[in-house]
Amino acid sequence: MSVVAAGAAPGSALAAGRRAAARRLRRAAAPLAGSVVGVRTVAPQVVLTFDDGPEPGGTDRVLAALADAGATATFFVLLTRVRRYPSLLDEVVAAGHEVALHGVDHRPLPAVPVEEVARLTRSGRAELEDATGLPVRWHRPPYGRQTLATRRAVARAGLEPVLWGPSTWDWKDVPPADRIARSRLGLRPGAIVLAHDGTAGPDDLADDGPAPVLDRGALVAEVLAGYAERGLAARSLREVAQGGRLVRELRLTR
């Protein structure tokens, strides 16, 4: 929501100046409190990410589609799922993909006391690093929801929040063509694409209703084919970041 001075019309020069000042403030604060929203790169690569796994029937099909396309991705996993399906996590790591933390469970962070956010994120990172034998750098807040306080709590746990641009809308009950169109909206080198290899449910402390009926592997294959037609390869955030510069923005919610 834009801040407009009292008595200033929304389209006035004063209001425009206020909006420009707000944009400058957000850019200045981004390195300290912002979230990763993309990578500035000249390489023809996009960042492909998956949330809410691992899940049988989802993760395994996604892994097959990625292998067929020669693509890599970053998997933001839930610890509630990792504990149930540790062998699927092993398959993700064995295939050369990056593993990051989505959460110990799928509660929106603003609904959790800040002290608990810090504790759970720290313990979740340690548990995930023990399970994979690899360092964990990234965190994606469930639903993309975070406040300045929860963002700082995640930072104290040694992780950096990652949001997204294009998405596959694979959590919505929409026609397949809409998912493909959405996956290309805002597509450019360094864009972070949101997809899912599972669906969080009550066991993950989420209550989002029934999962859409779809073949996640087939959807990923079609998305990747469309990117390839545009000369873009899908890679993990770790890989794309190595050849570019992280772009951060201040994106906070309640």
Protein backbone atom coordinates (compact mmCIF):
# COMPACT_ATOMS: atom_id res chain seq x y z
CA MET A 1 0.00 0.00 0.00
CA SER A 2 1.45 3.37 -1.01
CA VAL A 3 1.93 6.10 1.56
CA VAL A 4 0.32 9.36 0.45
CA ALA A 5 0.67 12.62 2.31
CA ALA A 6 -2.49 14.12 3.74
CA GLY A 7 -4.10 16.41 1.19
CA ALA A 8 -2.03 15.02 -1.71
CA ALA A 9 -3.97 13.57 -4.62
CA PRO A 10 -2.85 10.02 -5.51
CA GLY A 11 -1.57 11.19 -8.93
CA SER A 12 0.12 14.37 -7.68
CA ALA A 13 3.84 15.09 -7.83
CA LEU A 14 3.99 14.91 -4.03
CA ALA A 15 2.40 11.47 -3.98
CA ALA A 16 4.77 10.30 -6.73
CA GLY A 17 7.70 11.57 -4.70
CA ARG A 18 6.48 9.69 -1.66
CA ARG A 19 6.23 6.48 -3.65
CA ALA A 20 9.71 6.95 -5.09
CA ALA A 21 11.09 7.53 -1.58
CA ALA A 22 9.38 4.36 -0.37
CA ARG A 23 10.95 2.39 -3.22
CA ARG A 24 14.39 3.75 -2.35
CA LEU A 25 13.87 2.78 1.28
CA ARG A 26 12.89 -0.77 0.32
CA ARG A 27 15.94 -1.11 -1.92
CA ALA A 28 18.23 0.21 0.82
CA ALA A 29 16.76 -2.21 3.36
CA ALA A 30 16.83 -5.24 1.05
CA PRO A 31 20.42 -6.34 1.79
CA LEU A 32 19.65 -6.39 5.52
CA ALA A 33 16.02 -7.51 5.66
CA GLY A 34 15.13 -8.56 2.13
CA SER A 35 14.45 -11.99 0.66
CA VAL A 36 16.03 -13.54 -2.39
CA VAL A 37 13.61 -13.09 -5.30
CA GLY A 38 15.86 -13.85 -8.25
CA VAL A 39 19.40 -13.93 -9.59
CA ARG A 40 20.93 -11.31 -11.86
CA THR A 41 22.71 -13.36 -14.50
CA VAL A 42 23.49 -13.41 -18.20
CA ALA A 43 23.41 -17.20 -18.27
CA PRO A 44 20.32 -18.68 -19.96
CA GLN A 45 19.15 -20.35 -16.76
CA VAL A 46 16.15 -20.20 -14.45
CA VAL A 47 15.94 -21.43 -10.87
CA LEU A 48 13.46 -24.28 -10.42
CA THR A 49 12.22 -24.89 -6.88
CA PHE A 50 9.85 -27.42 -5.30
CA ASP A 51 7.98 -27.14 -2.00
CA ASP A 52 6.12 -29.41 0.43
CA GLY A 53 7.89 -32.71 -0.24
CA PRO A 54 9.11 -35.29 -0.18
CA GLU A 55 5.99 -37.22 -1.14
CA PRO A 56 5.52 -40.59 -2.84
CA GLY A 57 3.87 -40.22 -6.21
CA GLY A 58 5.07 -36.64 -6.45
CA THR A 59 8.78 -36.41 -5.70
CA ASP A 60 9.65 -39.60 -7.58
CA ARG A 61 7.83 -38.44 -10.73
CA VAL A 62 9.37 -34.98 -10.52
CA LEU A 63 12.84 -36.52 -10.17
CA ALA A 64 12.25 -38.61 -13.29
CA ALA A 65 11.15 -35.57 -15.30
CA LEU A 66 14.18 -33.59 -14.15
CA ALA A 67 16.51 -36.44 -15.08
CA ASP A 68 14.96 -36.76 -18.54
CA ALA A 69 15.51 -33.04 -19.15
CA GLY A 70 18.99 -32.90 -17.62
CA ALA A 71 17.73 -30.30 -15.16
CA THR A 72 18.50 -29.68 -11.50
CA ALA A 73 16.38 -27.99 -8.84
CA THR A 74 16.22 -26.85 -5.24
CA PHE A 75 13.81 -28.80 -3.03
CA PHE A 76 12.39 -26.90 -0.05
CA VAL A 77 11.40 -29.80 2.18
CA LEU A 78 9.22 -30.15 5.26
CA LEU A 79 10.75 -32.03 8.19
CA THR A 80 7.39 -33.65 8.88
CA ARG A 81 7.72 -35.23 5.42
CA VAL A 82 11.42 -36.02 5.65
CA ARG A 83 10.80 -38.04 8.79
CA ARG A 84 8.08 -40.05 7.02
CA TYR A 85 9.90 -40.55 3.71
CA PRO A 86 13.66 -40.43 4.36
CA SER A 87 14.44 -42.63 1.35
CA LEU A 88 12.88 -40.04 -0.97
CA LEU A 89 15.12 -37.35 0.48
CA ASP A 90 18.07 -39.65 -0.19
CA GLU A 91 16.95 -39.92 -3.83
CA VAL A 92 16.82 -36.13 -4.16
CA VAL A 93 20.37 -35.81 -2.84
CA ALA A 94 21.69 -38.76 -4.88
CA ALA A 95 20.35 -37.15 -8.07
CA GLY A 96 22.46 -34.04 -7.41
CA HIS A 97 19.70 -31.64 -6.46
CA GLU A 98 19.94 -29.00 -3.75
CA VAL A 99 17.99 -29.40 -0.50
CA ALA A 100 16.71 -26.42 1.47
CA LEU A 101 14.34 -25.95 4.42
CA HIS A 102 10.67 -25.12 4.01
CA GLY A 103 9.93 -25.71 7.67
CA VAL A 104 9.66 -28.21 10.47
CA ASP A 105 5.96 -28.08 9.60
CA HIS A 106 3.80 -25.91 7.33
CA ARG A 107 2.44 -23.35 9.77
CA PRO A 108 2.63 -19.74 8.51
CA LEU A 109 5.45 -18.10 10.43
CA PRO A 110 3.44 -15.01 11.54
CA ALA A 111 1.13 -17.39 13.44
CA VAL A 112 4.05 -18.77 15.47
CA PRO A 113 5.74 -16.93 18.37
CA VAL A 114 8.99 -15.40 17.16
CA GLU A 115 11.06 -17.25 19.76
CA GLU A 116 9.62 -20.54 18.52
CA VAL A 117 10.31 -19.59 14.88
CA ALA A 118 13.99 -19.12 15.76
CA ARG A 119 14.16 -22.36 17.73
CA LEU A 120 12.34 -24.48 15.15
CA THR A 121 14.31 -23.05 12.25
CA ARG A 122 17.61 -23.65 13.99
CA SER A 123 16.72 -27.21 14.98
CA GLY A 124 15.20 -27.89 11.56
CA ARG A 125 18.34 -26.77 9.80
CA ALA A 126 20.48 -29.01 12.02
CA GLU A 127 18.19 -32.00 11.47
CA LEU A 128 18.19 -31.52 7.71
CA GLU A 129 21.96 -31.13 7.55
CA ASP A 130 22.33 -34.33 9.59
CA ALA A 131 19.97 -36.15 7.21
CA THR A 132 21.73 -35.03 4.03
CA GLY A 133 25.30 -34.55 5.18
CA LEU A 134 25.24 -31.23 3.32
CA PRO A 135 25.05 -27.57 4.39
CA VAL A 136 21.65 -25.89 4.14
CA ARG A 137 21.61 -22.24 3.10
CA TRP A 138 18.06 -21.35 2.06
CA HIS A 139 14.65 -21.18 3.73
CA ARG A 140 11.25 -20.60 2.17
CA PRO A 141 8.56 -19.41 4.58
CA PRO A 142 5.33 -21.43 4.19
CA TYR A 143 2.87 -19.55 1.95
CA GLY A 144 5.62 -16.94 1.45
CA ARG A 145 4.37 -15.26 4.63
CA GLN A 146 6.85 -13.48 6.87
CA THR A 147 7.13 -10.43 9.06
CA LEU A 148 10.28 -8.47 9.77
CA ALA A 149 10.51 -10.26 13.13
CA THR A 150 10.21 -13.77 11.67
CA ARG A 151 12.62 -12.88 8.86
CA ARG A 152 15.17 -11.85 11.51
CA ALA A 153 14.53 -15.07 13.41
CA VAL A 154 15.29 -17.09 10.29
CA ALA A 155 18.46 -15.07 9.75
CA ARG A 156 19.56 -15.79 13.32
CA ALA A 157 19.24 -19.48 12.47
CA GLY A 158 21.76 -18.94 9.66
CA LEU A 159 19.34 -19.21 6.74
CA GLU A 160 18.27 -16.81 3.99
CA PRO A 161 14.61 -16.50 2.91
CA VAL A 162 13.82 -17.27 -0.73
CA LEU A 163 10.58 -16.26 -2.48
CA TRP A 164 9.68 -16.57 -6.16
CA GLY A 165 8.45 -15.03 -9.41
CA PRO A 166 6.76 -17.39 -11.91
CA SER A 167 4.84 -20.37 -10.54
CA THR A 168 3.17 -23.48 -11.89
CA TRP A 169 -0.09 -22.95 -9.96
CA ASP A 170 0.10 -26.65 -9.13
CA TRP A 171 -1.72 -26.14 -5.83
CA LYS A 172 -4.80 -24.74 -7.61
CA ASP A 173 -7.63 -26.59 -9.32
CA VAL A 174 -7.21 -24.87 -12.69
CA PRO A 175 -6.98 -26.06 -16.33
CA PRO A 176 -3.53 -27.36 -17.37
CA ALA A 177 -3.13 -24.53 -19.88
CA ASP A 178 -3.44 -22.01 -17.06
CA ARG A 179 -0.60 -23.68 -15.19
CA ILE A 180 1.68 -23.55 -18.22
CA ALA A 181 0.82 -19.92 -18.89
CA ARG A 182 1.50 -19.00 -15.27
CA SER A 183 4.87 -20.79 -15.32
CA ARG A 184 5.96 -18.40 -18.09
CA LEU A 185 4.68 -15.18 -16.54
CA GLY A 186 7.67 -13.01 -15.72
CA LEU A 187 10.07 -15.63 -17.03
CA ARG A 188 13.62 -14.40 -17.63
CA PRO A 189 17.18 -15.56 -16.88
CA GLY A 190 17.62 -15.84 -13.13
CA ALA A 191 13.88 -16.03 -12.34
CA ILE A 192 12.91 -18.28 -9.43
CA VAL A 193 10.04 -20.61 -10.37
CA LEU A 194 7.75 -22.06 -7.71
CA ALA A 195 6.46 -25.62 -8.05
CA HIS A 196 5.51 -28.41 -5.65
CA ASP A 197 6.46 -32.07 -5.40
CA GLY A 198 3.91 -32.65 -2.65
CA THR A 199 0.93 -31.16 -0.83
CA ALA A 200 1.02 -30.19 2.83
CA GLY A 201 -1.85 -31.52 4.92
CA PRO A 202 -3.09 -31.82 8.51
CA ASP A 203 -0.09 -33.97 9.50
CA ASP A 204 2.07 -31.00 8.51
CA LEU A 205 -0.16 -28.58 10.46
CA ALA A 206 -1.65 -27.23 7.24
CA ASP A 207 -5.35 -27.05 6.36
CA ASP A 208 -5.46 -26.14 2.68
CA GLY A 209 -8.16 -28.53 1.53
CA PRO A 210 -7.78 -31.42 -0.94
CA ALA A 211 -4.82 -31.53 -3.27
CA PRO A 212 -5.48 -30.96 -6.98
CA VAL A 213 -5.46 -34.08 -9.11
CA LEU A 214 -2.49 -33.89 -11.46
CA ASP A 215 0.62 -35.74 -12.60
CA ARG A 216 3.39 -33.57 -11.20
CA GLY A 217 6.01 -35.28 -13.31
CA ALA A 218 4.10 -34.64 -16.55
CA LEU A 219 3.56 -31.00 -15.58
CA VAL A 220 7.26 -30.49 -14.87
CA ALA A 221 8.19 -32.15 -18.16
CA GLU A 222 5.90 -29.78 -20.07
CA VAL A 223 7.17 -26.72 -18.20
CA LEU A 224 10.79 -27.68 -18.86
CA ALA A 225 10.09 -28.30 -22.55
CA GLY A 226 8.59 -24.82 -22.83
CA TYR A 227 11.62 -23.29 -21.14
CA ALA A 228 13.96 -25.20 -23.46
CA GLU A 229 12.12 -23.78 -26.47
CA ARG A 230 13.03 -20.35 -25.12
CA GLY A 231 16.66 -21.37 -24.70
CA LEU A 232 16.43 -21.57 -20.90
CA ALA A 233 17.75 -24.41 -18.75
CA ALA A 234 16.48 -25.14 -15.24
CA ARG A 235 19.07 -25.27 -12.47
CA SER A 236 19.18 -25.17 -8.68
CA LEU A 237 19.49 -21.88 -6.85
CA ARG A 238 22.97 -22.84 -5.70
CA GLU A 239 24.14 -23.32 -9.29
CA VAL A 240 22.58 -20.18 -10.74
CA ALA A 241 23.80 -18.06 -7.82
CA GLN A 242 27.37 -19.18 -8.44
CA GLY A 243 27.32 -17.48 -11.83
CA GLY A 244 25.32 -14.41 -10.93
CA ARG A 245 24.28 -12.02 -8.17
CA LEU A 246 21.38 -12.56 -5.82
CA VAL A 247 18.52 -10.09 -6.10
CA ARG A 248 16.81 -9.25 -2.82
CA GLU A 249 13.61 -7.37 -2.10
CA LEU A 250 11.82 -6.43 1.09
CA ARG A 251 8.60 -8.46 0.95
CA LEU A 252 6.74 -8.69 4.24
CA THR A 253 3.24 -9.82 5.20
CA ARG A 254 1.16 -10.07 8.33
